[in-house]
């Protein structure tokens, strides 16, 4: 039989985060559902892809 008190550490709030592999950091926004996080991830990836493609087009135009 154990005698003593128990304590529980506080964990991070439940939710979903995004991680930036290039910058090696977790983005601060937390999403309540996986679908929200996946949608934002796809939006950010598309935004970055369009940025890279436009940079390539501007370089090849020169």
PDB file of N, CA and C in Angstrom:
ATOM      1  N   UNK A   1       0.847  -1.177   0.000  1.00  0.00           N
ATOM      2  CA  UNK A   1       0.000   0.000   0.000  1.00  0.00           C
ATOM      3  C   UNK A   1       0.892   1.239   0.000  1.00  0.00           C
ATOM      4  N   UNK A   2       0.512   2.195  -0.843  1.00  0.00           N
ATOM      5  CA  UNK A   2       1.295   3.433  -0.937  1.00  0.00           C
ATOM      6  C   UNK A   2       0.612   4.538  -0.139  1.00  0.00           C
ATOM      7  N   UNK A   3       1.411   5.312   0.495  1.00  0.00           N
ATOM      8  CA  UNK A   3       0.895   6.456   1.230  1.00  0.00           C
ATOM      9  C   UNK A   3       1.553   7.709   0.666  1.00  0.00           C
ATOM     10  N   UNK A   4       0.762   8.623   0.212  1.00  0.00           N
ATOM     11  CA  UNK A   4       1.325   9.846  -0.336  1.00  0.00           C
ATOM     12  C   UNK A   4       0.349  10.528  -1.266  1.00  0.00           C
ATOM     13  N   UNK A   5       0.752  11.678  -1.723  1.00  0.00           N
ATOM     14  CA  UNK A   5      -0.130  12.413  -2.633  1.00  0.00           C
ATOM     15  C   UNK A   5       0.387  12.273  -4.057  1.00  0.00           C
ATOM     16  N   UNK A   6      -0.499  12.425  -4.978  1.00  0.00           N
ATOM     17  CA  UNK A   6      -0.135  12.348  -6.382  1.00  0.00           C
ATOM     18  C   UNK A   6      -0.306  13.719  -7.020  1.00  0.00           C
ATOM     19  N   UNK A   7       0.487  13.966  -8.003  1.00  0.00           N
ATOM     20  CA  UNK A   7       0.301  15.182  -8.772  1.00  0.00           C
ATOM     21  C   UNK A   7       0.468  14.838 -10.241  1.00  0.00           C
ATOM     22  N   UNK A   8      -0.199  15.561 -11.060  1.00  0.00           N
ATOM     23  CA  UNK A   8      -0.162  15.324 -12.494  1.00  0.00           C
ATOM     24  C   UNK A   8       0.360  16.579 -13.171  1.00  0.00           C
ATOM     25  N   UNK A   9       1.270  16.372 -14.085  1.00  0.00           N
ATOM     26  CA  UNK A   9       1.805  17.525 -14.789  1.00  0.00           C
ATOM     27  C   UNK A   9       0.768  18.011 -15.800  1.00  0.00           C
ATOM     28  N   UNK A  10       0.803  19.288 -16.040  1.00  0.00           N
ATOM     29  CA  UNK A  10      -0.132  19.850 -17.005  1.00  0.00           C
ATOM     30  C   UNK A  10       0.425  19.617 -18.401  1.00  0.00           C
ATOM     31  N   UNK A  11      -0.401  19.135 -19.284  1.00  0.00           N
ATOM     32  CA  UNK A  11       0.036  18.880 -20.649  1.00  0.00           C
ATOM     33  C   UNK A  11      -0.376  20.032 -21.550  1.00  0.00           C
ATOM     34  N   UNK A  12       0.131  19.993 -22.749  1.00  0.00           N
ATOM     35  CA  UNK A  12      -0.217  21.009 -23.733  1.00  0.00           C
ATOM     36  C   UNK A  12      -1.695  20.905 -24.070  1.00  0.00           C
ATOM     37  N   UNK A  13      -2.280  22.015 -24.478  1.00  0.00           N
ATOM     38  CA  UNK A  13      -3.686  21.953 -24.842  1.00  0.00           C
ATOM     39  C   UNK A  13      -3.912  20.993 -26.014  1.00  0.00           C
ATOM     40  N   UNK A  14      -5.053  20.364 -26.013  1.00  0.00           N
ATOM     41  CA  UNK A  14      -5.366  19.414 -27.072  1.00  0.00           C
ATOM     42  C   UNK A  14      -5.615  20.191 -28.357  1.00  0.00           C
ATOM     43  N   UNK A  15      -5.019  19.724 -29.420  1.00  0.00           N
ATOM     44  CA  UNK A  15      -5.184  20.375 -30.707  1.00  0.00           C
ATOM     45  C   UNK A  15      -4.117  19.880 -31.662  1.00  0.00           C
ATOM     46  N   UNK A  16      -4.055  20.513 -32.812  1.00  0.00           N
ATOM     47  CA  UNK A  16      -3.115  20.120 -33.844  1.00  0.00           C
ATOM     48  C   UNK A  16      -2.261  21.314 -34.224  1.00  0.00           C
ATOM     49  N   UNK A  17      -0.968  21.066 -34.365  1.00  0.00           N
ATOM     50  CA  UNK A  17      -0.016  22.092 -34.751  1.00  0.00           C
ATOM     51  C   UNK A  17       0.585  21.752 -36.097  1.00  0.00           C
ATOM     52  N   UNK A  18       1.185  22.744 -36.731  1.00  0.00           N
ATOM     53  CA  UNK A  18       1.928  22.534 -37.965  1.00  0.00           C
ATOM     54  C   UNK A  18       3.403  22.735 -37.672  1.00  0.00           C
ATOM     55  N   UNK A  19       4.249  21.997 -38.379  1.00  0.00           N
ATOM     56  CA  UNK A  19       5.685  22.072 -38.184  1.00  0.00           C
ATOM     57  C   UNK A  19       6.339  22.493 -39.493  1.00  0.00           C
ATOM     58  N   UNK A  20       7.171  23.511 -39.435  1.00  0.00           N
ATOM     59  CA  UNK A  20       7.885  24.002 -40.611  1.00  0.00           C
ATOM     60  C   UNK A  20       9.215  23.274 -40.708  1.00  0.00           C
ATOM     61  N   UNK A  21       9.346  22.392 -41.695  1.00  0.00           N
ATOM     62  CA  UNK A  21      10.567  21.604 -41.847  1.00  0.00           C
ATOM     63  C   UNK A  21      11.753  22.436 -42.301  1.00  0.00           C
ATOM     64  N   UNK A  22      11.503  23.497 -43.060  1.00  0.00           N
ATOM     65  CA  UNK A  22      12.616  24.332 -43.516  1.00  0.00           C
ATOM     66  C   UNK A  22      13.189  25.160 -42.370  1.00  0.00           C
ATOM     67  N   UNK A  23      12.318  25.765 -41.597  1.00  0.00           N
ATOM     68  CA  UNK A  23      12.762  26.603 -40.481  1.00  0.00           C
ATOM     69  C   UNK A  23      13.022  25.792 -39.210  1.00  0.00           C
ATOM     70  N   UNK A  24      12.605  24.533 -39.220  1.00  0.00           N
ATOM     71  CA  UNK A  24      12.777  23.633 -38.073  1.00  0.00           C
ATOM     72  C   UNK A  24      12.119  24.199 -36.809  1.00  0.00           C
ATOM     73  N   UNK A  25      10.851  24.590 -36.965  1.00  0.00           N
ATOM     74  CA  UNK A  25      10.116  25.078 -35.804  1.00  0.00           C
ATOM     75  C   UNK A  25       8.636  24.778 -35.938  1.00  0.00           C
ATOM     76  N   UNK A  26       7.961  24.722 -34.819  1.00  0.00           N
ATOM     77  CA  UNK A  26       6.526  24.473 -34.778  1.00  0.00           C
ATOM     78  C   UNK A  26       5.823  25.821 -34.879  1.00  0.00           C
ATOM     79  N   UNK A  27       4.841  25.909 -35.779  1.00  0.00           N
ATOM     80  CA  UNK A  27       4.090  27.149 -35.917  1.00  0.00           C
ATOM     81  C   UNK A  27       3.205  27.344 -34.697  1.00  0.00           C
ATOM     82  N   UNK A  28       2.972  28.588 -34.317  1.00  0.00           N
ATOM     83  CA  UNK A  28       2.296  28.867 -33.055  1.00  0.00           C
ATOM     84  C   UNK A  28       0.802  28.592 -33.067  1.00  0.00           C
ATOM     85  N   UNK A  29       0.182  28.636 -34.241  1.00  0.00           N
ATOM     86  CA  UNK A  29      -1.264  28.436 -34.309  1.00  0.00           C
ATOM     87  C   UNK A  29      -1.625  26.981 -34.014  1.00  0.00           C
ATOM     88  N   UNK A  30      -2.626  26.791 -33.177  1.00  0.00           N
ATOM     89  CA  UNK A  30      -3.136  25.457 -32.859  1.00  0.00           C
ATOM     90  C   UNK A  30      -4.532  25.327 -33.451  1.00  0.00           C
ATOM     91  N   UNK A  31      -4.784  24.218 -34.108  1.00  0.00           N
ATOM     92  CA  UNK A  31      -6.078  23.973 -34.742  1.00  0.00           C
ATOM     93  C   UNK A  31      -6.844  22.953 -33.934  1.00  0.00           C
ATOM     94  N   UNK A  32      -8.132  23.168 -33.814  1.00  0.00           N
ATOM     95  CA  UNK A  32      -8.969  22.300 -32.991  1.00  0.00           C
ATOM     96  C   UNK A  32      -9.199  20.933 -33.621  1.00  0.00           C
ATOM     97  N   UNK A  33      -9.255  20.880 -34.946  1.00  0.00           N
ATOM     98  CA  UNK A  33      -9.503  19.604 -35.613  1.00  0.00           C
ATOM     99  C   UNK A  33      -8.383  19.290 -36.590  1.00  0.00           C
ATOM    100  N   UNK A  34      -8.245  18.033 -36.874  1.00  0.00           N
ATOM    101  CA  UNK A  34      -7.231  17.589 -37.827  1.00  0.00           C
ATOM    102  C   UNK A  34      -7.520  18.145 -39.218  1.00  0.00           C
ATOM    103  N   UNK A  35      -8.797  18.215 -39.580  1.00  0.00           N
ATOM    104  CA  UNK A  35      -9.184  18.725 -40.893  1.00  0.00           C
ATOM    105  C   UNK A  35      -8.756  20.180 -41.067  1.00  0.00           C
ATOM    106  N   UNK A  36      -8.925  20.981 -40.020  1.00  0.00           N
ATOM    107  CA  UNK A  36      -8.491  22.385 -40.076  1.00  0.00           C
ATOM    108  C   UNK A  36      -6.985  22.463 -40.279  1.00  0.00           C
ATOM    109  N   UNK A  37      -6.248  21.669 -39.527  1.00  0.00           N
ATOM    110  CA  UNK A  37      -4.786  21.676 -39.627  1.00  0.00           C
ATOM    111  C   UNK A  37      -4.336  21.210 -41.010  1.00  0.00           C
ATOM    112  N   UNK A  38      -4.959  20.159 -41.535  1.00  0.00           N
ATOM    113  CA  UNK A  38      -4.580  19.660 -42.853  1.00  0.00           C
ATOM    114  C   UNK A  38      -4.902  20.688 -43.941  1.00  0.00           C
ATOM    115  N   UNK A  39      -6.055  21.355 -43.828  1.00  0.00           N
ATOM    116  CA  UNK A  39      -6.427  22.391 -44.791  1.00  0.00           C
ATOM    117  C   UNK A  39      -5.433  23.533 -44.790  1.00  0.00           C
ATOM    118  N   UNK A  40      -5.035  23.980 -43.610  1.00  0.00           N
ATOM    119  CA  UNK A  40      -4.059  25.063 -43.511  1.00  0.00           C
ATOM    120  C   UNK A  40      -2.693  24.618 -44.021  1.00  0.00           C
ATOM    121  N   UNK A  41      -2.335  23.382 -43.753  1.00  0.00           N
ATOM    122  CA  UNK A  41      -1.067  22.838 -44.238  1.00  0.00           C
ATOM    123  C   UNK A  41      -1.052  22.835 -45.764  1.00  0.00           C
ATOM    124  N   UNK A  42      -2.131  22.382 -46.365  1.00  0.00           N
ATOM    125  CA  UNK A  42      -2.212  22.366 -47.828  1.00  0.00           C
ATOM    126  C   UNK A  42      -2.163  23.775 -48.393  1.00  0.00           C
ATOM    127  N   UNK A  43      -2.843  24.715 -47.740  1.00  0.00           N
ATOM    128  CA  UNK A  43      -2.831  26.104 -48.198  1.00  0.00           C
ATOM    129  C   UNK A  43      -1.419  26.692 -48.140  1.00  0.00           C
ATOM    130  N   UNK A  44      -0.718  26.454 -47.037  1.00  0.00           N
ATOM    131  CA  UNK A  44       0.652  26.962 -46.900  1.00  0.00           C
ATOM    132  C   UNK A  44       1.594  26.315 -47.908  1.00  0.00           C
ATOM    133  N   UNK A  45       1.437  25.006 -48.138  1.00  0.00           N
ATOM    134  CA  UNK A  45       2.280  24.318 -49.118  1.00  0.00           C
ATOM    135  C   UNK A  45       2.037  24.850 -50.519  1.00  0.00           C
ATOM    136  N   UNK A  46       0.771  25.090 -50.874  1.00  0.00           N
ATOM    137  CA  UNK A  46       0.437  25.630 -52.188  1.00  0.00           C
ATOM    138  C   UNK A  46       0.999  27.043 -52.350  1.00  0.00           C
ATOM    139  N   UNK A  47       0.880  27.831 -51.295  1.00  0.00           N
ATOM    140  CA  UNK A  47       1.421  29.188 -51.309  1.00  0.00           C
ATOM    141  C   UNK A  47       2.937  29.169 -51.530  1.00  0.00           C
ATOM    142  N   UNK A  48       3.625  28.287 -50.844  1.00  0.00           N
ATOM    143  CA  UNK A  48       5.077  28.189 -50.985  1.00  0.00           C
ATOM    144  C   UNK A  48       5.457  27.673 -52.372  1.00  0.00           C
ATOM    145  N   UNK A  49       4.713  26.699 -52.896  1.00  0.00           N
ATOM    146  CA  UNK A  49       4.971  26.163 -54.228  1.00  0.00           C
ATOM    147  C   UNK A  49       4.789  27.249 -55.284  1.00  0.00           C
ATOM    148  N   UNK A  50       3.730  28.024 -55.186  1.00  0.00           N
ATOM    149  CA  UNK A  50       3.501  29.104 -56.141  1.00  0.00           C
ATOM    150  C   UNK A  50       4.614  30.146 -56.069  1.00  0.00           C
ATOM    151  N   UNK A  51       5.101  30.408 -54.884  1.00  0.00           N
ATOM    152  CA  UNK A  51       6.204  31.357 -54.712  1.00  0.00           C
ATOM    153  C   UNK A  51       7.471  30.847 -55.400  1.00  0.00           C
ATOM    154  N   UNK A  52       7.781  29.569 -55.217  1.00  0.00           N
ATOM    155  CA  UNK A  52       8.967  28.972 -55.833  1.00  0.00           C
ATOM    156  C   UNK A  52       8.840  28.975 -57.354  1.00  0.00           C
ATOM    157  N   UNK A  53       7.657  28.614 -57.850  1.00  0.00           N
ATOM    158  CA  UNK A  53       7.449  28.588 -59.299  1.00  0.00           C
ATOM    159  C   UNK A  53       7.549  29.980 -59.914  1.00  0.00           C
ATOM    160  N   UNK A  54       7.024  30.983 -59.238  1.00  0.00           N
ATOM    161  CA  UNK A  54       7.116  32.343 -59.778  1.00  0.00           C
ATOM    162  C   UNK A  54       8.554  32.838 -59.765  1.00  0.00           C
ATOM    163  N   UNK A  55       9.344  32.434 -58.765  1.00  0.00           N
ATOM    164  CA  UNK A  55      10.765  32.808 -58.731  1.00  0.00           C
ATOM    165  C   UNK A  55      11.506  32.163 -59.916  1.00  0.00           C
ATOM    166  N   UNK A  56      11.195  30.899 -60.195  1.00  0.00           N
ATOM    167  CA  UNK A  56      11.824  30.206 -61.319  1.00  0.00           C
ATOM    168  C   UNK A  56      11.468  30.866 -62.643  1.00  0.00           C
ATOM    169  N   UNK A  57      10.199  31.253 -62.781  1.00  0.00           N
ATOM    170  CA  UNK A  57       9.769  31.903 -64.027  1.00  0.00           C
ATOM    171  C   UNK A  57      10.471  33.228 -64.227  1.00  0.00           C
ATOM    172  N   UNK A  58      10.674  33.971 -63.159  1.00  0.00           N
ATOM    173  CA  UNK A  58      11.340  35.271 -63.271  1.00  0.00           C
ATOM    174  C   UNK A  58      12.824  35.089 -63.615  1.00  0.00           C
ATOM    175  N   UNK A  59      13.441  34.014 -63.136  1.00  0.00           N
ATOM    176  CA  UNK A  59      14.850  33.747 -63.442  1.00  0.00           C
ATOM    177  C   UNK A  59      15.011  33.295 -64.902  1.00  0.00           C
ATOM    178  N   UNK A  60      14.116  32.439 -65.368  1.00  0.00           N
ATOM    179  CA  UNK A  60      14.220  31.958 -66.745  1.00  0.00           C
ATOM    180  C   UNK A  60      13.841  33.035 -67.748  1.00  0.00           C
ATOM    181  N   UNK A  61      13.074  34.042 -67.346  1.00  0.00           N
ATOM    182  CA  UNK A  61      12.687  35.131 -68.241  1.00  0.00           C
ATOM    183  C   UNK A  61      13.877  36.064 -68.512  1.00  0.00           C
ATOM    184  N   UNK A  62      14.834  36.051 -67.631  1.00  0.00           N
ATOM    185  CA  UNK A  62      16.009  36.919 -67.818  1.00  0.00           C
ATOM    186  C   UNK A  62      16.921  36.318 -68.783  1.00  0.00           C
TER     187      UNK A  62
END
